[in-house]
């Protein structure tokens, strides 16, 4: 890989010796993964893990074999959402690692499955963290997966670069929230994907509004949404606007994410199916 500080990661315009090389990592023998979907944002706390979990659960209910690769090594929340806290990913003498399966059959790989105690901190520098994400792809035995969802950490650093370069990503979903500040953050994620030539499936806004339980009126706690303006500027579809919901929060906290119907994500699931 080119370590030149001026590298733009656009191999088509690069004269370096690394240009045109395929940097994608190979799956472990016996594994099969169909489509890889990254769930990204330039900012933390917008609901990437929620969207990842809901999409995996929804497509599983539609008859597809789904998996989640939790690339948020230092702040994994996928085990909690699927109610598999305390589970361990088992390995064998060959070095193969077997993912944990949720109650609904979603194959899961997260750093917490490898720690002695799930509260142990991961005190690693960026390149080591990125290497662990790569190993989740190369060392785990993924069993005939139709759709793999990669739950990214926030930002545009080592891990997103590793995923975009090492995994055959078929598209990304950018998650945002309504605050004005998020516009700049979303644009960073969109531009990174464009630079890396990764297709953008669309945008999803989380915490978009609160439905009043008495009158049914939509209350915009963070102000009016600007997601449509961002989408128009970049020619992208808005796949969903997810309201704030006590039911969502409770389901994640109690590990019952697979019980939710999440009809807000029907359009997003339909687009992903067409891949």
Protein backbone atom coordinates (compact mmCIF):
# COMPACT_ATOMS: atom_id res chain seq x y z
CA UNK A 1 0.00 0.00 0.00
CA UNK A 2 1.27 3.45 -0.80
CA UNK A 3 2.25 5.27 2.40
CA UNK A 4 2.98 8.56 0.66
CA UNK A 5 1.33 11.39 2.59
CA UNK A 6 0.00 12.83 -0.67
CA UNK A 7 -1.89 9.62 -1.52
CA UNK A 8 -5.53 10.32 -2.38
CA UNK A 9 -6.46 6.62 -2.50
CA UNK A 10 -7.57 7.19 -6.09
CA UNK A 11 -5.50 4.56 -7.91
CA UNK A 12 -6.77 5.66 -11.33
CA UNK A 13 -4.78 8.88 -11.12
CA UNK A 14 -1.80 7.52 -9.20
CA UNK A 15 1.65 6.89 -10.71
CA UNK A 16 2.96 4.99 -7.69
CA UNK A 17 4.08 1.38 -7.94
CA UNK A 18 1.10 0.34 -5.86
CA UNK A 19 -1.39 1.65 -8.42
CA UNK A 20 -3.90 -0.80 -9.86
CA UNK A 21 -3.05 -3.43 -7.25
CA UNK A 22 -5.97 -5.30 -5.76
CA UNK A 23 -5.68 -4.74 -2.02
CA UNK A 24 -8.75 -6.79 -1.13
CA UNK A 25 -8.28 -9.54 1.43
CA UNK A 26 -9.34 -13.10 0.74
CA UNK A 27 -12.05 -14.85 2.68
CA UNK A 28 -11.09 -17.93 4.65
CA UNK A 29 -11.53 -21.18 2.76
CA UNK A 30 -15.07 -22.45 3.21
CA UNK A 31 -16.54 -18.97 3.68
CA UNK A 32 -18.94 -17.25 1.30
CA UNK A 33 -20.19 -13.69 1.47
CA UNK A 34 -22.46 -12.26 -1.21
CA UNK A 35 -22.93 -8.51 -0.82
CA UNK A 36 -21.11 -6.27 1.65
CA UNK A 37 -22.86 -3.12 2.90
CA UNK A 38 -21.06 -0.54 5.02
CA UNK A 39 -23.01 1.55 7.53
CA UNK A 40 -21.07 4.77 8.02
CA UNK A 41 -21.10 8.27 9.43
CA UNK A 42 -18.50 10.89 10.12
CA UNK A 43 -19.82 11.36 13.64
CA UNK A 44 -20.49 9.09 16.60
CA UNK A 45 -23.81 8.74 18.38
CA UNK A 46 -26.06 9.02 15.34
CA UNK A 47 -27.32 5.42 15.37
CA UNK A 48 -25.11 3.42 12.99
CA UNK A 49 -25.33 0.30 15.15
CA UNK A 50 -29.11 0.65 15.41
CA UNK A 51 -29.47 0.90 11.63
CA UNK A 52 -27.02 -1.97 11.09
CA UNK A 53 -28.91 -4.23 13.48
CA UNK A 54 -32.35 -3.36 12.15
CA UNK A 55 -31.35 -3.94 8.51
CA UNK A 56 -29.70 -7.29 9.28
CA UNK A 57 -32.72 -8.43 11.27
CA UNK A 58 -35.20 -7.22 8.63
CA UNK A 59 -33.48 -8.95 5.71
CA UNK A 60 -33.11 -12.13 7.76
CA UNK A 61 -36.87 -12.13 8.30
CA UNK A 62 -37.24 -11.84 4.52
CA UNK A 63 -35.40 -15.11 4.09
CA UNK A 64 -31.82 -13.97 3.51
CA UNK A 65 -28.76 -15.16 5.40
CA UNK A 66 -27.26 -12.08 7.04
CA UNK A 67 -24.17 -11.24 9.04
CA UNK A 68 -22.82 -8.25 10.96
CA UNK A 69 -19.10 -7.49 11.08
CA UNK A 70 -18.71 -5.10 14.00
CA UNK A 71 -15.82 -2.89 12.90
CA UNK A 72 -16.20 -0.57 15.89
CA UNK A 73 -13.42 -2.34 17.80
CA UNK A 74 -13.15 0.07 20.73
CA UNK A 75 -16.87 0.68 21.19
CA UNK A 76 -18.81 -2.40 20.09
CA UNK A 77 -22.56 -2.38 20.70
CA UNK A 78 -23.76 -5.12 18.34
CA UNK A 79 -23.61 -7.89 21.02
CA UNK A 80 -25.89 -5.85 23.29
CA UNK A 81 -28.43 -5.11 20.55
CA UNK A 82 -28.74 -8.80 19.63
CA UNK A 83 -28.78 -10.04 23.24
CA UNK A 84 -25.60 -12.11 22.99
CA UNK A 85 -23.50 -10.36 25.62
CA UNK A 86 -21.13 -12.78 27.30
CA UNK A 87 -20.97 -15.09 24.27
CA UNK A 88 -17.56 -16.10 22.92
CA UNK A 89 -16.43 -16.64 19.34
CA UNK A 90 -14.90 -20.12 19.27
CA UNK A 91 -11.84 -21.08 17.26
CA UNK A 92 -10.03 -24.25 16.24
CA UNK A 93 -6.44 -25.41 15.77
CA UNK A 94 -6.35 -24.16 12.18
CA UNK A 95 -6.90 -20.57 13.33
CA UNK A 96 -10.47 -20.42 12.11
CA UNK A 97 -12.92 -18.36 14.17
CA UNK A 98 -16.64 -19.10 14.18
CA UNK A 99 -19.11 -16.22 14.53
CA UNK A 100 -21.74 -16.04 17.23
CA UNK A 101 -25.31 -16.52 16.00
CA UNK A 102 -28.23 -14.45 17.23
CA UNK A 103 -31.57 -15.99 18.14
CA UNK A 104 -32.83 -15.07 14.68
CA UNK A 105 -29.82 -16.61 12.93
CA UNK A 106 -27.74 -13.50 12.16
CA UNK A 107 -24.01 -14.30 12.15
CA UNK A 108 -22.14 -11.83 14.34
CA UNK A 109 -18.48 -11.01 14.86
CA UNK A 110 -17.45 -8.39 17.41
CA UNK A 111 -14.38 -7.67 19.50
CA UNK A 112 -16.35 -8.34 22.67
CA UNK A 113 -16.60 -12.01 21.67
CA UNK A 114 -12.80 -12.30 21.97
CA UNK A 115 -12.23 -10.46 25.25
CA UNK A 116 -12.00 -12.25 28.59
CA UNK A 117 -14.34 -9.64 30.06
CA UNK A 118 -16.56 -7.56 27.80
CA UNK A 119 -15.76 -4.43 29.82
CA UNK A 120 -12.01 -4.78 29.16
CA UNK A 121 -10.79 -1.75 27.17
CA UNK A 122 -9.07 -2.24 23.82
CA UNK A 123 -5.94 -0.09 24.14
CA UNK A 124 -4.64 -0.38 20.60
CA UNK A 125 -3.40 2.15 18.10
CA UNK A 126 -5.16 2.69 14.78
CA UNK A 127 -3.17 0.30 12.56
CA UNK A 128 -3.62 -2.57 15.02
CA UNK A 129 -7.36 -1.91 15.22
CA UNK A 130 -7.54 -1.84 11.43
CA UNK A 131 -5.68 -5.16 11.32
CA UNK A 132 -8.23 -6.72 13.67
CA UNK A 133 -11.06 -5.64 11.36
CA UNK A 134 -9.25 -7.21 8.42
CA UNK A 135 -8.90 -10.45 10.39
CA UNK A 136 -12.63 -10.47 11.07
CA UNK A 137 -12.95 -10.84 7.30
CA UNK A 138 -10.08 -13.27 6.66
CA UNK A 139 -10.13 -15.52 9.73
CA UNK A 140 -13.84 -15.90 10.47
CA UNK A 141 -15.77 -18.73 8.82
CA UNK A 142 -18.74 -16.90 7.31
CA UNK A 143 -21.40 -19.45 6.46
CA UNK A 144 -23.03 -18.77 3.10
CA UNK A 145 -23.90 -15.13 3.83
CA UNK A 146 -26.16 -13.25 1.42
CA UNK A 147 -25.73 -9.80 2.98
CA UNK A 148 -22.99 -8.71 5.36
CA UNK A 149 -23.45 -5.39 7.15
CA UNK A 150 -20.29 -3.70 8.42
CA UNK A 151 -20.91 -1.45 11.42
CA UNK A 152 -18.23 1.20 11.05
CA UNK A 153 -16.71 3.38 13.76
CA UNK A 154 -17.26 7.12 13.29
CA UNK A 155 -14.90 9.18 11.18
CA UNK A 156 -12.80 8.71 8.08
CA UNK A 157 -9.69 7.14 9.60
CA UNK A 158 -7.86 3.82 9.61
CA UNK A 159 -10.82 1.46 9.93
CA UNK A 160 -13.02 2.90 7.15
CA UNK A 161 -9.96 3.02 4.87
CA UNK A 162 -9.16 -0.61 5.72
CA UNK A 163 -12.73 -1.71 5.06
CA UNK A 164 -13.00 0.18 1.78
CA UNK A 165 -9.66 -1.14 0.53
CA UNK A 166 -9.71 -4.68 1.94
CA UNK A 167 -13.34 -5.74 1.65
CA UNK A 168 -15.39 -5.92 -1.57
CA UNK A 169 -17.86 -3.26 -0.41
CA UNK A 170 -20.88 -3.13 -2.73
CA UNK A 171 -22.32 0.04 -1.25
CA UNK A 172 -22.65 2.15 1.85
CA UNK A 173 -25.52 3.67 3.80
CA UNK A 174 -24.72 7.02 5.43
CA UNK A 175 -26.46 7.62 8.77
CA UNK A 176 -27.05 11.11 10.11
CA UNK A 177 -29.10 13.02 12.67
CA UNK A 178 -30.96 16.33 12.23
CA UNK A 179 -28.48 18.74 13.87
CA UNK A 180 -27.03 21.35 11.51
CA UNK A 181 -23.49 20.39 12.51
CA UNK A 182 -24.07 16.91 11.13
CA UNK A 183 -24.31 18.26 7.58
CA UNK A 184 -20.56 18.86 7.49
CA UNK A 185 -19.90 15.43 9.01
CA UNK A 186 -22.17 13.67 6.51
CA UNK A 187 -20.50 15.46 3.62
CA UNK A 188 -17.12 14.16 4.80
CA UNK A 189 -18.41 10.58 4.74
CA UNK A 190 -20.01 11.05 1.32
CA UNK A 191 -16.88 12.58 -0.16
CA UNK A 192 -14.71 9.84 1.29
CA UNK A 193 -16.90 7.22 -0.37
CA UNK A 194 -16.73 9.09 -3.66
CA UNK A 195 -12.94 9.32 -3.43
CA UNK A 196 -12.70 5.58 -2.74
CA UNK A 197 -15.18 4.88 -5.56
CA UNK A 198 -17.63 3.14 -3.21
CA UNK A 199 -21.29 3.38 -4.33
CA UNK A 200 -23.59 5.21 -1.92
CA UNK A 201 -26.95 3.50 -1.56
CA UNK A 202 -28.51 6.45 0.24
CA UNK A 203 -28.94 8.41 3.46
CA UNK A 204 -30.81 7.50 6.63
CA UNK A 205 -31.66 10.11 9.25
CA UNK A 206 -32.01 8.81 12.80
CA UNK A 207 -33.71 10.69 15.66
CA UNK A 208 -35.51 12.64 12.97
CA UNK A 209 -38.52 13.59 15.05
CA UNK A 210 -40.64 12.56 18.03
CA UNK A 211 -44.22 11.49 17.51
CA UNK A 212 -46.44 13.08 20.16
CA UNK A 213 -48.26 10.25 21.98
CA UNK A 214 -51.34 12.43 22.55
CA UNK A 215 -51.98 14.29 19.29
CA UNK A 216 -49.74 12.40 16.86
CA UNK A 217 -47.94 15.58 15.79
CA UNK A 218 -44.29 15.32 14.72
CA UNK A 219 -42.04 17.24 17.13
CA UNK A 220 -38.62 18.23 15.81
CA UNK A 221 -36.48 18.29 18.93
CA UNK A 222 -33.30 19.14 17.04
CA UNK A 223 -34.91 21.57 14.62
CA UNK A 224 -36.12 21.03 11.10
CA UNK A 225 -34.27 18.32 9.19
CA UNK A 226 -31.77 19.23 6.47
CA UNK A 227 -31.40 15.69 5.15
CA UNK A 228 -33.32 16.47 1.96
CA UNK A 229 -30.97 19.34 1.16
CA UNK A 230 -27.90 17.14 1.60
CA UNK A 231 -29.47 14.40 -0.51
CA UNK A 232 -30.35 16.85 -3.28
CA UNK A 233 -26.86 18.36 -3.30
CA UNK A 234 -25.28 14.95 -3.86
CA UNK A 235 -28.02 13.33 -5.91
CA UNK A 236 -28.71 10.67 -3.29
CA UNK A 237 -31.99 9.17 -2.09
CA UNK A 238 -33.23 9.53 1.48
CA UNK A 239 -33.91 5.93 2.44
CA UNK A 240 -35.54 6.56 5.81
CA UNK A 241 -36.25 9.07 8.55
CA UNK A 242 -36.37 7.17 11.82
CA UNK A 243 -38.22 8.81 14.73
CA UNK A 244 -37.04 8.84 18.31
CA UNK A 245 -38.70 5.93 20.04
CA UNK A 246 -38.62 4.54 23.55
CA UNK A 247 -39.37 1.15 22.00
CA UNK A 248 -36.17 1.23 19.94
CA UNK A 249 -34.05 2.19 22.95
CA UNK A 250 -35.61 -0.47 25.14
CA UNK A 251 -35.22 -3.17 22.48
CA UNK A 252 -31.51 -2.39 22.07
CA UNK A 253 -30.88 -2.28 25.82
CA UNK A 254 -32.70 -5.58 26.36
CA UNK A 255 -31.14 -7.33 23.35
CA UNK A 256 -34.44 -7.63 21.51
CA UNK A 257 -33.57 -5.75 18.32
CA UNK A 258 -34.82 -8.69 16.22
CA UNK A 259 -38.35 -8.32 17.60
CA UNK A 260 -38.83 -4.89 16.02
CA UNK A 261 -40.61 -4.55 12.69
CA UNK A 262 -38.95 -1.20 11.79
CA UNK A 263 -41.21 -0.44 8.83
CA UNK A 264 -39.29 2.84 8.42
CA UNK A 265 -36.49 0.82 6.82
CA UNK A 266 -38.61 -1.03 4.24
CA UNK A 267 -37.38 1.16 1.38
CA UNK A 268 -33.75 0.76 2.41
CA UNK A 269 -34.13 -3.02 2.67
CA UNK A 270 -35.78 -3.16 -0.74
CA UNK A 271 -32.89 -1.27 -2.37
CA UNK A 272 -30.32 -3.52 -0.71
CA UNK A 273 -32.22 -6.61 -1.89
CA UNK A 274 -31.86 -5.40 -5.48
CA UNK A 275 -28.07 -5.46 -5.19
